Structures are given as C-alpha cells and as structure tokens.
Amino acid sequence: MDKFKSVLASRKFWALLASLVAVAATYSSGAQDAPSLWHAIDLAVAAFSVYAVATGVESGLAASKG
C-alpha cells in the first residue's frame, strides 16, 4: 500500500497521466492536424518510456546513496 501511495504522490506519475490525457484529447478532437492513431500510440509509448527511465534513474540514485 505504501508503494501505491508513493506513486500517487509522484510528480512523474501525474506528468505521465497529463501526457496521456493530452494525447487522447488531441487524437479524439477530430481536428485536421490531429495525430493519426499510430502517431498517438507512438506518443503514448514515448510518455511511458520517459516515466520508466525517470523512475529507474531515481531508483538508481537512491541505491547509490546507500
């Protein structure tokens, strides 16, 4: 339960969620310059990748401190 609370308190998690909402809103807007489905999927994968790397860097720095 503590891990769940720490994830919800993480700014990285909320940035990921905001990114995914922005991608979904842009894709579903139907605007002429809205991304295609594949481009929207690419953007979502990129957002998850940034979150995973940032979390890994944070964990690595915490482990090296000791």
N, C-alpha and C. Protein backbone atom coordinates (compact mmCIF):
# COMPACT_ATOMS: atom_id res chain seq x y z
N MET A 1 0.81 -1.19 0.00
CA MET A 1 0.00 0.00 0.00
C MET A 1 0.86 1.26 0.00
N ASP A 2 2.03 1.20 0.64
CA ASP A 2 2.91 2.35 0.67
C ASP A 2 3.43 2.68 -0.74
N LYS A 3 3.70 1.65 -1.53
CA LYS A 3 4.18 1.88 -2.90
C LYS A 3 3.11 2.59 -3.72
N PHE A 4 1.85 2.19 -3.54
CA PHE A 4 0.75 2.81 -4.26
C PHE A 4 0.62 4.28 -3.87
N LYS A 5 0.76 4.58 -2.60
CA LYS A 5 0.68 5.96 -2.13
C LYS A 5 1.84 6.78 -2.66
N SER A 6 3.02 6.19 -2.73
CA SER A 6 4.18 6.93 -3.23
C SER A 6 4.05 7.20 -4.73
N VAL A 7 3.44 6.28 -5.46
CA VAL A 7 3.22 6.51 -6.89
C VAL A 7 2.22 7.65 -7.08
N LEU A 8 1.16 7.66 -6.30
CA LEU A 8 0.16 8.74 -6.42
C LEU A 8 0.71 10.09 -5.98
N ALA A 9 1.73 10.09 -5.15
CA ALA A 9 2.34 11.34 -4.71
C ALA A 9 3.45 11.80 -5.65
N SER A 10 3.79 10.99 -6.62
CA SER A 10 4.90 11.28 -7.52
C SER A 10 4.49 12.28 -8.61
N ARG A 11 5.32 13.30 -8.80
CA ARG A 11 5.07 14.25 -9.88
C ARG A 11 5.27 13.58 -11.23
N LYS A 12 6.16 12.59 -11.30
CA LYS A 12 6.38 11.88 -12.56
C LYS A 12 5.11 11.16 -13.01
N PHE A 13 4.40 10.55 -12.06
CA PHE A 13 3.17 9.84 -12.40
C PHE A 13 2.12 10.81 -12.94
N TRP A 14 1.97 11.95 -12.30
CA TRP A 14 0.97 12.92 -12.74
C TRP A 14 1.35 13.55 -14.08
N ALA A 15 2.65 13.71 -14.32
CA ALA A 15 3.09 14.19 -15.63
C ALA A 15 2.77 13.15 -16.71
N LEU A 16 2.97 11.87 -16.39
CA LEU A 16 2.61 10.81 -17.32
C LEU A 16 1.11 10.83 -17.60
N LEU A 17 0.32 10.93 -16.57
CA LEU A 17 -1.13 10.94 -16.74
C LEU A 17 -1.57 12.15 -17.56
N ALA A 18 -1.00 13.31 -17.30
CA ALA A 18 -1.34 14.51 -18.08
C ALA A 18 -0.95 14.34 -19.55
N SER A 19 0.20 13.71 -19.78
CA SER A 19 0.63 13.47 -21.16
C SER A 19 -0.33 12.55 -21.89
N LEU A 20 -0.75 11.49 -21.21
CA LEU A 20 -1.67 10.55 -21.84
C LEU A 20 -3.03 11.18 -22.10
N VAL A 21 -3.49 12.02 -21.19
CA VAL A 21 -4.76 12.72 -21.40
C VAL A 21 -4.64 13.69 -22.57
N ALA A 22 -3.51 14.38 -22.67
CA ALA A 22 -3.30 15.31 -23.78
C ALA A 22 -3.26 14.57 -25.12
N VAL A 23 -2.59 13.43 -25.15
CA VAL A 23 -2.55 12.63 -26.38
C VAL A 23 -3.94 12.16 -26.76
N ALA A 24 -4.69 11.65 -25.79
CA ALA A 24 -6.04 11.17 -26.06
C ALA A 24 -6.96 12.30 -26.51
N ALA A 25 -6.85 13.45 -25.88
CA ALA A 25 -7.70 14.59 -26.25
C ALA A 25 -7.37 15.09 -27.65
N THR A 26 -6.09 15.15 -27.96
CA THR A 26 -5.68 15.61 -29.28
C THR A 26 -6.12 14.63 -30.36
N TYR A 27 -5.95 13.35 -30.08
CA TYR A 27 -6.34 12.33 -31.07
C TYR A 27 -7.85 12.34 -31.30
N SER A 28 -8.62 12.48 -30.23
CA SER A 28 -10.07 12.38 -30.36
C SER A 28 -10.72 13.70 -30.76
N SER A 29 -9.94 14.77 -30.89
CA SER A 29 -10.53 16.06 -31.22
C SER A 29 -11.08 16.11 -32.64
N GLY A 30 -10.53 15.32 -33.51
CA GLY A 30 -11.01 15.32 -34.89
C GLY A 30 -10.51 16.50 -35.70
N ALA A 31 -9.59 17.26 -35.13
CA ALA A 31 -9.05 18.41 -35.85
C ALA A 31 -8.23 17.94 -37.04
N GLN A 32 -8.05 18.83 -37.99
CA GLN A 32 -7.34 18.47 -39.21
C GLN A 32 -5.89 18.09 -38.92
N ASP A 33 -5.28 18.73 -37.93
CA ASP A 33 -3.88 18.43 -37.63
C ASP A 33 -3.74 17.44 -36.47
N ALA A 34 -4.80 16.76 -36.11
CA ALA A 34 -4.74 15.76 -35.04
C ALA A 34 -3.89 14.58 -35.51
N PRO A 35 -3.16 13.96 -34.58
CA PRO A 35 -2.29 12.85 -35.00
C PRO A 35 -3.10 11.62 -35.40
N SER A 36 -2.51 10.81 -36.25
CA SER A 36 -3.14 9.54 -36.62
C SER A 36 -3.09 8.60 -35.42
N LEU A 37 -3.76 7.48 -35.53
CA LEU A 37 -3.78 6.52 -34.44
C LEU A 37 -2.37 6.04 -34.11
N TRP A 38 -1.58 5.74 -35.14
CA TRP A 38 -0.23 5.23 -34.91
C TRP A 38 0.66 6.29 -34.28
N HIS A 39 0.48 7.52 -34.68
CA HIS A 39 1.27 8.59 -34.07
C HIS A 39 0.86 8.78 -32.61
N ALA A 40 -0.42 8.69 -32.32
CA ALA A 40 -0.89 8.80 -30.94
C ALA A 40 -0.33 7.66 -30.08
N ILE A 41 -0.28 6.46 -30.64
CA ILE A 41 0.31 5.33 -29.92
C ILE A 41 1.80 5.57 -29.68
N ASP A 42 2.49 6.10 -30.69
CA ASP A 42 3.92 6.44 -30.52
C ASP A 42 4.11 7.45 -29.39
N LEU A 43 3.26 8.45 -29.32
CA LEU A 43 3.36 9.46 -28.27
C LEU A 43 3.10 8.86 -26.90
N ALA A 44 2.14 7.95 -26.80
CA ALA A 44 1.85 7.30 -25.52
C ALA A 44 3.01 6.41 -25.09
N VAL A 45 3.59 5.69 -26.03
CA VAL A 45 4.75 4.84 -25.71
C VAL A 45 5.94 5.70 -25.26
N ALA A 46 6.12 6.84 -25.91
CA ALA A 46 7.19 7.75 -25.52
C ALA A 46 6.96 8.27 -24.10
N ALA A 47 5.72 8.59 -23.76
CA ALA A 47 5.42 9.08 -22.41
C ALA A 47 5.71 7.99 -21.37
N PHE A 48 5.32 6.75 -21.65
CA PHE A 48 5.61 5.65 -20.73
C PHE A 48 7.13 5.41 -20.62
N SER A 49 7.84 5.56 -21.73
CA SER A 49 9.29 5.36 -21.72
C SER A 49 9.98 6.41 -20.85
N VAL A 50 9.56 7.65 -20.98
CA VAL A 50 10.14 8.71 -20.16
C VAL A 50 9.87 8.44 -18.69
N TYR A 51 8.66 7.99 -18.36
CA TYR A 51 8.32 7.67 -16.97
C TYR A 51 9.20 6.53 -16.45
N ALA A 52 9.38 5.50 -17.26
CA ALA A 52 10.17 4.35 -16.84
C ALA A 52 11.63 4.73 -16.63
N VAL A 53 12.18 5.53 -17.53
CA VAL A 53 13.58 5.95 -17.40
C VAL A 53 13.75 6.84 -16.16
N ALA A 54 12.83 7.78 -15.97
CA ALA A 54 12.93 8.68 -14.82
C ALA A 54 12.81 7.91 -13.51
N THR A 55 11.94 6.93 -13.46
CA THR A 55 11.80 6.12 -12.26
C THR A 55 13.05 5.28 -12.02
N GLY A 56 13.62 4.75 -13.09
CA GLY A 56 14.85 3.97 -12.96
C GLY A 56 16.02 4.82 -12.49
N VAL A 57 16.14 6.03 -13.02
CA VAL A 57 17.21 6.92 -12.59
C VAL A 57 17.05 7.27 -11.12
N GLU A 58 15.82 7.56 -10.71
CA GLU A 58 15.56 7.88 -9.30
C GLU A 58 15.92 6.69 -8.40
N SER A 59 15.56 5.49 -8.81
CA SER A 59 15.87 4.31 -8.01
C SER A 59 17.39 4.07 -7.95
N GLY A 60 18.04 4.26 -9.08
CA GLY A 60 19.49 4.08 -9.12
C GLY A 60 20.21 5.09 -8.24
N LEU A 61 19.77 6.32 -8.26
CA LEU A 61 20.40 7.33 -7.41
C LEU A 61 20.15 7.05 -5.93
N ALA A 62 18.96 6.57 -5.60
CA ALA A 62 18.65 6.24 -4.22
C ALA A 62 19.49 5.07 -3.74
N ALA A 63 19.72 4.08 -4.61
CA ALA A 63 20.53 2.92 -4.24
C ALA A 63 22.01 3.29 -4.09
N SER A 64 22.48 4.22 -4.90
CA SER A 64 23.90 4.58 -4.82
C SER A 64 24.22 5.42 -3.59
N LYS A 65 23.21 6.10 -3.06
CA LYS A 65 23.41 6.90 -1.86
C LYS A 65 23.52 6.02 -0.62
N GLY A 66 22.89 4.87 -0.73
CA GLY A 66 23.05 3.96 0.22
C GLY A 66 22.57 3.39 1.34
